[in-house]
PDB file of N, CA and C in Angstrom:
ATOM      1  N   MET A   1       0.838  -1.168   0.000  1.00  0.00           N
ATOM      2  CA  MET A   1       0.000   0.000   0.000  1.00  0.00           C
ATOM      3  C   MET A   1       0.891   1.241   0.000  1.00  0.00           C
ATOM      4  N   ALA A   2       0.629   2.140  -0.910  1.00  0.00           N
ATOM      5  CA  ALA A   2       1.443   3.343  -1.053  1.00  0.00           C
ATOM      6  C   ALA A   2       1.216   4.289   0.126  1.00  0.00           C
ATOM      7  N   THR A   3       2.236   5.078   0.414  1.00  0.00           N
ATOM      8  CA  THR A   3       2.185   6.067   1.474  1.00  0.00           C
ATOM      9  C   THR A   3       2.403   7.442   0.854  1.00  0.00           C
ATOM     10  N   VAL A   4       1.672   8.432   1.299  1.00  0.00           N
ATOM     11  CA  VAL A   4       1.872   9.798   0.828  1.00  0.00           C
ATOM     12  C   VAL A   4       2.522  10.599   1.955  1.00  0.00           C
ATOM     13  N   VAL A   5       3.656  11.211   1.630  1.00  0.00           N
ATOM     14  CA  VAL A   5       4.343  12.081   2.579  1.00  0.00           C
ATOM     15  C   VAL A   5       4.426  13.479   1.973  1.00  0.00           C
ATOM     16  N   ARG A   6       4.677  14.464   2.783  1.00  0.00           N
ATOM     17  CA  ARG A   6       4.818  15.839   2.294  1.00  0.00           C
ATOM     18  C   ARG A   6       6.269  16.275   2.491  1.00  0.00           C
ATOM     19  N   ALA A   7       6.794  16.937   1.470  1.00  0.00           N
ATOM     20  CA  ALA A   7       8.180  17.396   1.523  1.00  0.00           C
ATOM     21  C   ALA A   7       8.355  18.430   2.632  1.00  0.00           C
ATOM     22  N   GLN A   8       9.460  18.300   3.332  1.00  0.00           N
ATOM     23  CA  GLN A   8       9.826  19.260   4.367  1.00  0.00           C
ATOM     24  C   GLN A   8      10.850  20.235   3.783  1.00  0.00           C
ATOM     25  N   GLN A   9      11.197  21.250   4.530  1.00  0.00           N
ATOM     26  CA  GLN A   9      12.141  22.244   4.037  1.00  0.00           C
ATOM     27  C   GLN A   9      13.457  21.589   3.628  1.00  0.00           C
ATOM     28  N   GLY A  10      13.896  21.862   2.397  1.00  0.00           N
ATOM     29  CA  GLY A  10      15.169  21.356   1.901  1.00  0.00           C
ATOM     30  C   GLY A  10      15.140  19.918   1.422  1.00  0.00           C
ATOM     31  N   ASP A  11      13.962  19.298   1.377  1.00  0.00           N
ATOM     32  CA  ASP A  11      13.879  17.897   0.971  1.00  0.00           C
ATOM     33  C   ASP A  11      14.144  17.701  -0.517  1.00  0.00           C
ATOM     34  N   THR A  12      14.858  16.643  -0.801  1.00  0.00           N
ATOM     35  CA  THR A  12      14.997  16.126  -2.158  1.00  0.00           C
ATOM     36  C   THR A  12      14.316  14.765  -2.154  1.00  0.00           C
ATOM     37  N   LEU A  13      14.050  14.232  -3.331  1.00  0.00           N
ATOM     38  CA  LEU A  13      13.416  12.914  -3.387  1.00  0.00           C
ATOM     39  C   LEU A  13      14.329  11.857  -2.776  1.00  0.00           C
ATOM     40  N   ASP A  14      15.624  11.976  -3.006  1.00  0.00           N
ATOM     41  CA  ASP A  14      16.576  11.032  -2.406  1.00  0.00           C
ATOM     42  C   ASP A  14      16.481  11.048  -0.883  1.00  0.00           C
ATOM     43  N   ARG A  15      16.405  12.249  -0.319  1.00  0.00           N
ATOM     44  CA  ARG A  15      16.344  12.372   1.146  1.00  0.00           C
ATOM     45  C   ARG A  15      15.057  11.761   1.691  1.00  0.00           C
ATOM     46  N   ILE A  16      13.945  11.986   0.997  1.00  0.00           N
ATOM     47  CA  ILE A  16      12.669  11.406   1.424  1.00  0.00           C
ATOM     48  C   ILE A  16      12.742   9.883   1.363  1.00  0.00           C
ATOM     49  N   CYS A  17      13.301   9.340   0.274  1.00  0.00           N
ATOM     50  CA  CYS A  17      13.414   7.880   0.140  1.00  0.00           C
ATOM     51  C   CYS A  17      14.328   7.295   1.205  1.00  0.00           C
ATOM     52  N   LEU A  18      15.429   7.975   1.495  1.00  0.00           N
ATOM     53  CA  LEU A  18      16.345   7.498   2.535  1.00  0.00           C
ATOM     54  C   LEU A  18      15.648   7.485   3.885  1.00  0.00           C
ATOM     55  N   ARG A  19      14.886   8.517   4.177  1.00  0.00           N
ATOM     56  CA  ARG A  19      14.172   8.589   5.447  1.00  0.00           C
ATOM     57  C   ARG A  19      13.087   7.513   5.533  1.00  0.00           C
ATOM     58  N   HIS A  20      12.383   7.268   4.437  1.00  0.00           N
ATOM     59  CA  HIS A  20      11.257   6.330   4.455  1.00  0.00           C
ATOM     60  C   HIS A  20      11.696   4.866   4.314  1.00  0.00           C
ATOM     61  N   TYR A  21      12.578   4.600   3.336  1.00  0.00           N
ATOM     62  CA  TYR A  21      12.974   3.215   3.033  1.00  0.00           C
ATOM     63  C   TYR A  21      14.293   2.800   3.695  1.00  0.00           C
ATOM     64  N   GLY A  22      15.094   3.778   4.092  1.00  0.00           N
ATOM     65  CA  GLY A  22      16.407   3.457   4.649  1.00  0.00           C
ATOM     66  C   GLY A  22      17.466   3.279   3.580  1.00  0.00           C
ATOM     67  N   ARG A  23      17.113   3.568   2.328  1.00  0.00           N
ATOM     68  CA  ARG A  23      18.054   3.477   1.208  1.00  0.00           C
ATOM     69  C   ARG A  23      17.492   4.283   0.048  1.00  0.00           C
ATOM     70  N   THR A  24      18.330   4.497  -0.952  1.00  0.00           N
ATOM     71  CA  THR A  24      17.862   5.228  -2.128  1.00  0.00           C
ATOM     72  C   THR A  24      17.898   4.371  -3.385  1.00  0.00           C
ATOM     73  N   GLN A  25      18.789   3.399  -3.446  1.00  0.00           N
ATOM     74  CA  GLN A  25      18.936   2.588  -4.653  1.00  0.00           C
ATOM     75  C   GLN A  25      17.651   1.823  -4.942  1.00  0.00           C
ATOM     76  N   GLY A  26      17.084   2.055  -6.102  1.00  0.00           N
ATOM     77  CA  GLY A  26      15.843   1.410  -6.486  1.00  0.00           C
ATOM     78  C   GLY A  26      14.613   2.128  -5.961  1.00  0.00           C
ATOM     79  N   ALA A  27      14.716   2.718  -4.781  1.00  0.00           N
ATOM     80  CA  ALA A  27      13.575   3.401  -4.174  1.00  0.00           C
ATOM     81  C   ALA A  27      13.296   4.732  -4.864  1.00  0.00           C
ATOM     82  N   THR A  28      14.337   5.468  -5.191  1.00  0.00           N
ATOM     83  CA  THR A  28      14.153   6.754  -5.852  1.00  0.00           C
ATOM     84  C   THR A  28      13.517   6.572  -7.217  1.00  0.00           C
ATOM     85  N   GLU A  29      13.973   5.570  -7.951  1.00  0.00           N
ATOM     86  CA  GLU A  29      13.417   5.301  -9.272  1.00  0.00           C
ATOM     87  C   GLU A  29      11.939   4.923  -9.179  1.00  0.00           C
ATOM     88  N   ALA A  30      11.593   4.086  -8.193  1.00  0.00           N
ATOM     89  CA  ALA A  30      10.196   3.673  -8.007  1.00  0.00           C
ATOM     90  C   ALA A  30       9.329   4.869  -7.624  1.00  0.00           C
ATOM     91  N   ALA A  31       9.858   5.765  -6.795  1.00  0.00           N
ATOM     92  CA  ALA A  31       9.103   6.951  -6.392  1.00  0.00           C
ATOM     93  C   ALA A  31       8.897   7.896  -7.571  1.00  0.00           C
ATOM     94  N   LEU A  32       9.900   8.021  -8.424  1.00  0.00           N
ATOM     95  CA  LEU A  32       9.742   8.863  -9.611  1.00  0.00           C
ATOM     96  C   LEU A  32       8.659   8.314 -10.539  1.00  0.00           C
ATOM     97  N   GLU A  33       8.609   6.998 -10.694  1.00  0.00           N
ATOM     98  CA  GLU A  33       7.576   6.381 -11.530  1.00  0.00           C
ATOM     99  C   GLU A  33       6.189   6.602 -10.946  1.00  0.00           C
ATOM    100  N   ALA A  34       6.088   6.631  -9.627  1.00  0.00           N
ATOM    101  CA  ALA A  34       4.794   6.800  -8.963  1.00  0.00           C
ATOM    102  C   ALA A  34       4.339   8.263  -8.926  1.00  0.00           C
ATOM    103  N   ASN A  35       5.236   9.194  -9.270  1.00  0.00           N
ATOM    104  CA  ASN A  35       4.931  10.630  -9.190  1.00  0.00           C
ATOM    105  C   ASN A  35       5.286  11.332 -10.495  1.00  0.00           C
ATOM    106  N   PRO A  36       4.474  11.151 -11.541  1.00  0.00           N
ATOM    107  CA  PRO A  36       4.780  11.824 -12.803  1.00  0.00           C
ATOM    108  C   PRO A  36       4.815  13.346 -12.600  1.00  0.00           C
ATOM    109  N   GLY A  37       5.810  13.982 -13.201  1.00  0.00           N
ATOM    110  CA  GLY A  37       5.942  15.429 -13.102  1.00  0.00           C
ATOM    111  C   GLY A  37       6.733  15.912 -11.903  1.00  0.00           C
ATOM    112  N   LEU A  38       7.075  15.026 -10.991  1.00  0.00           N
ATOM    113  CA  LEU A  38       7.799  15.437  -9.787  1.00  0.00           C
ATOM    114  C   LEU A  38       9.192  15.965 -10.128  1.00  0.00           C
ATOM    115  N   ALA A  39       9.853  15.365 -11.103  1.00  0.00           N
ATOM    116  CA  ALA A  39      11.207  15.786 -11.469  1.00  0.00           C
ATOM    117  C   ALA A  39      11.235  17.216 -12.005  1.00  0.00           C
ATOM    118  N   GLU A  40      10.130  17.672 -12.593  1.00  0.00           N
ATOM    119  CA  GLU A  40      10.088  19.025 -13.146  1.00  0.00           C
ATOM    120  C   GLU A  40      10.067  20.097 -12.056  1.00  0.00           C
ATOM    121  N   LEU A  41       9.825  19.719 -10.815  1.00  0.00           N
ATOM    122  CA  LEU A  41       9.784  20.691  -9.718  1.00  0.00           C
ATOM    123  C   LEU A  41      11.179  21.130  -9.284  1.00  0.00           C
ATOM    124  N   GLY A  42      12.204  20.425  -9.745  1.00  0.00           N
ATOM    125  CA  GLY A  42      13.576  20.767  -9.392  1.00  0.00           C
ATOM    126  C   GLY A  42      14.121  19.825  -8.348  1.00  0.00           C
ATOM    127  N   PRO A  43      15.421  19.952  -8.066  1.00  0.00           N
ATOM    128  CA  PRO A  43      16.051  19.019  -7.124  1.00  0.00           C
ATOM    129  C   PRO A  43      15.547  19.171  -5.695  1.00  0.00           C
ATOM    130  N   ILE A  44      15.277  20.402  -5.277  1.00  0.00           N
ATOM    131  CA  ILE A  44      14.749  20.621  -3.927  1.00  0.00           C
ATOM    132  C   ILE A  44      13.255  20.855  -4.063  1.00  0.00           C
ATOM    133  N   LEU A  45      12.478  19.993  -3.444  1.00  0.00           N
ATOM    134  CA  LEU A  45      11.031  20.049  -3.587  1.00  0.00           C
ATOM    135  C   LEU A  45      10.444  21.190  -2.758  1.00  0.00           C
ATOM    136  N   PRO A  46       9.416  21.846  -3.296  1.00  0.00           N
ATOM    137  CA  PRO A  46       8.739  22.878  -2.516  1.00  0.00           C
ATOM    138  C   PRO A  46       8.134  22.281  -1.240  1.00  0.00           C
ATOM    139  N   ILE A  47       8.176  23.026  -0.164  1.00  0.00           N
ATOM    140  CA  ILE A  47       7.627  22.564   1.111  1.00  0.00           C
ATOM    141  C   ILE A  47       6.158  22.195   0.926  1.00  0.00           C
ATOM    142  N   GLY A  48       5.784  21.038   1.440  1.00  0.00           N
ATOM    143  CA  GLY A  48       4.403  20.588   1.389  1.00  0.00           C
ATOM    144  C   GLY A  48       4.037  19.806   0.151  1.00  0.00           C
ATOM    145  N   THR A  49       4.978  19.623  -0.783  1.00  0.00           N
ATOM    146  CA  THR A  49       4.693  18.844  -1.986  1.00  0.00           C
ATOM    147  C   THR A  49       4.347  17.414  -1.590  1.00  0.00           C
ATOM    148  N   PRO A  50       3.175  16.906  -2.012  1.00  0.00           N
ATOM    149  CA  PRO A  50       2.850  15.518  -1.700  1.00  0.00           C
ATOM    150  C   PRO A  50       3.664  14.565  -2.584  1.00  0.00           C
ATOM    151  N   VAL A  51       4.229  13.560  -1.965  1.00  0.00           N
ATOM    152  CA  VAL A  51       5.027  12.562  -2.671  1.00  0.00           C
ATOM    153  C   VAL A  51       4.469  11.190  -2.324  1.00  0.00           C
ATOM    154  N   THR A  52       4.038  10.463  -3.348  1.00  0.00           N
ATOM    155  CA  THR A  52       3.536   9.104  -3.151  1.00  0.00           C
ATOM    156  C   THR A  52       4.710   8.147  -3.155  1.00  0.00           C
ATOM    157  N   LEU A  53       4.841   7.374  -2.091  1.00  0.00           N
ATOM    158  CA  LEU A  53       5.917   6.379  -1.978  1.00  0.00           C
ATOM    159  C   LEU A  53       5.292   4.988  -2.073  1.00  0.00           C
ATOM    160  N   PRO A  54       5.612   4.265  -3.152  1.00  0.00           N
ATOM    161  CA  PRO A  54       5.051   2.928  -3.297  1.00  0.00           C
ATOM    162  C   PRO A  54       5.632   1.975  -2.256  1.00  0.00           C
ATOM    163  N   ASP A  55       5.043   0.793  -2.173  1.00  0.00           N
ATOM    164  CA  ASP A  55       5.600  -0.219  -1.275  1.00  0.00           C
ATOM    165  C   ASP A  55       7.089  -0.357  -1.560  1.00  0.00           C
ATOM    166  N   ALA A  56       7.841  -0.691  -0.540  1.00  0.00           N
ATOM    167  CA  ALA A  56       9.293  -0.800  -0.686  1.00  0.00           C
ATOM    168  C   ALA A  56       9.636  -1.762  -1.811  1.00  0.00           C
ATOM    169  N   PRO A  57      10.392  -1.277  -2.805  1.00  0.00           N
ATOM    170  CA  PRO A  57      10.795  -2.166  -3.882  1.00  0.00           C
ATOM    171  C   PRO A  57      11.728  -3.249  -3.351  1.00  0.00           C
ATOM    172  N   THR A  58      11.549  -4.461  -3.850  1.00  0.00           N
ATOM    173  CA  THR A  58      12.430  -5.552  -3.425  1.00  0.00           C
ATOM    174  C   THR A  58      13.801  -5.338  -4.036  1.00  0.00           C
ATOM    175  N   GLN A  59      14.780  -5.954  -3.469  1.00  0.00           N
ATOM    176  CA  GLN A  59      16.133  -5.798  -4.002  1.00  0.00           C
ATOM    177  C   GLN A  59      16.226  -6.343  -5.416  1.00  0.00           C
ATOM    178  N   ALA A  60      15.486  -7.404  -5.732  1.00  0.00           N
ATOM    179  CA  ALA A  60      15.533  -7.972  -7.081  1.00  0.00           C
ATOM    180  C   ALA A  60      14.945  -6.997  -8.089  1.00  0.00           C
ATOM    181  N   SER A  61      13.817  -6.359  -7.741  1.00  0.00           N
ATOM    182  CA  SER A  61      13.207  -5.416  -8.683  1.00  0.00           C
ATOM    183  C   SER A  61      13.983  -4.118  -8.756  1.00  0.00           C
ATOM    184  N   ALA A  62      14.784  -3.842  -7.762  1.00  0.00           N
ATOM    185  CA  ALA A  62      15.586  -2.626  -7.766  1.00  0.00           C
ATOM    186  C   ALA A  62      16.893  -2.829  -8.527  1.00  0.00           C
ATOM    187  N   GLY A  63      17.126  -4.041  -9.021  1.00  0.00           N
ATOM    188  CA  GLY A  63      18.334  -4.311  -9.782  1.00  0.00           C
ATOM    189  C   GLY A  63      19.557  -4.535  -8.920  1.00  0.00           C
ATOM    190  N   ILE A  64      19.355  -4.867  -7.676  1.00  0.00           N
ATOM    191  CA  ILE A  64      20.470  -5.103  -6.768  1.00  0.00           C
ATOM    192  C   ILE A  64      20.792  -6.592  -6.793  1.00  0.00           C
ATOM    193  N   ALA A  65      21.932  -6.918  -7.315  1.00  0.00           N
ATOM    194  CA  ALA A  65      22.334  -8.316  -7.405  1.00  0.00           C
ATOM    195  C   ALA A  65      22.869  -8.788  -6.060  1.00  0.00           C
ATOM    196  N   ALA A  66      22.676 -10.055  -5.785  1.00  0.00           N
ATOM    197  CA  ALA A  66      23.242 -10.625  -4.567  1.00  0.00           C
ATOM    198  C   ALA A  66      24.762 -10.571  -4.699  1.00  0.00           C
ATOM    199  N   GLN A  67      25.407 -10.029  -3.707  1.00  0.00           N
ATOM    200  CA  GLN A  67      26.846  -9.864  -3.796  1.00  0.00           C
ATOM    201  C   GLN A  67      27.555 -11.107  -3.288  1.00  0.00           C
ATOM    202  N   GLN A  68      28.524 -11.512  -4.063  1.00  0.00           N
ATOM    203  CA  GLN A  68      29.346 -12.648  -3.693  1.00  0.00           C
ATOM    204  C   GLN A  68      30.591 -12.118  -2.993  1.00  0.00           C
ATOM    205  N   PRO A  69      31.023 -12.798  -1.937  1.00  0.00           N
ATOM    206  CA  PRO A  69      32.229 -12.336  -1.263  1.00  0.00           C
ATOM    207  C   PRO A  69      33.444 -12.432  -2.187  1.00  0.00           C
ATOM    208  N   VAL A  70      34.344 -11.493  -2.031  1.00  0.00           N
ATOM    209  CA  VAL A  70      35.563 -11.474  -2.839  1.00  0.00           C
ATOM    210  C   VAL A  70      36.704 -11.976  -1.970  1.00  0.00           C
ATOM    211  N   ASN A  71      37.425 -12.942  -2.474  1.00  0.00           N
ATOM    212  CA  ASN A  71      38.568 -13.483  -1.766  1.00  0.00           C
ATOM    213  C   ASN A  71      39.831 -12.955  -2.439  1.00  0.00           C
ATOM    214  N   LEU A  72      40.597 -12.134  -1.739  1.00  0.00           N
ATOM    215  CA  LEU A  72      41.770 -11.532  -2.342  1.00  0.00           C
ATOM    216  C   LEU A  72      42.912 -12.522  -2.509  1.00  0.00           C
ATOM    217  N   TRP A  73      42.973 -13.519  -1.635  1.00  0.00           N
ATOM    218  CA  TRP A  73      44.033 -14.503  -1.729  1.00  0.00           C
ATOM    219  C   TRP A  73      43.437 -15.889  -1.747  1.00  0.00           C
ATOM    220  N   ASP A  74      43.879 -16.702  -2.659  1.00  0.00           N
ATOM    221  CA  ASP A  74      43.409 -18.099  -2.726  1.00  0.00           C
ATOM    222  C   ASP A  74      44.305 -19.015  -1.973  1.00  0.00           C
TER     223      ASP A  74
END
């Protein structure tokens, strides 16, 4: 279920996603898709701008691959 939040002073979409989801990767892109025209408002959103935040995107849908440990020495 989507959540609607309002931009606070100095908010960017990245900052809102970090505050809501705890990360920005994949979340910012999903929020932009859910809010057509939001990017035209500029990098710093006007105070009180409603922003619809969709359900947290899964890591798979966000394009985050499972990381394999790197062994520097064999």
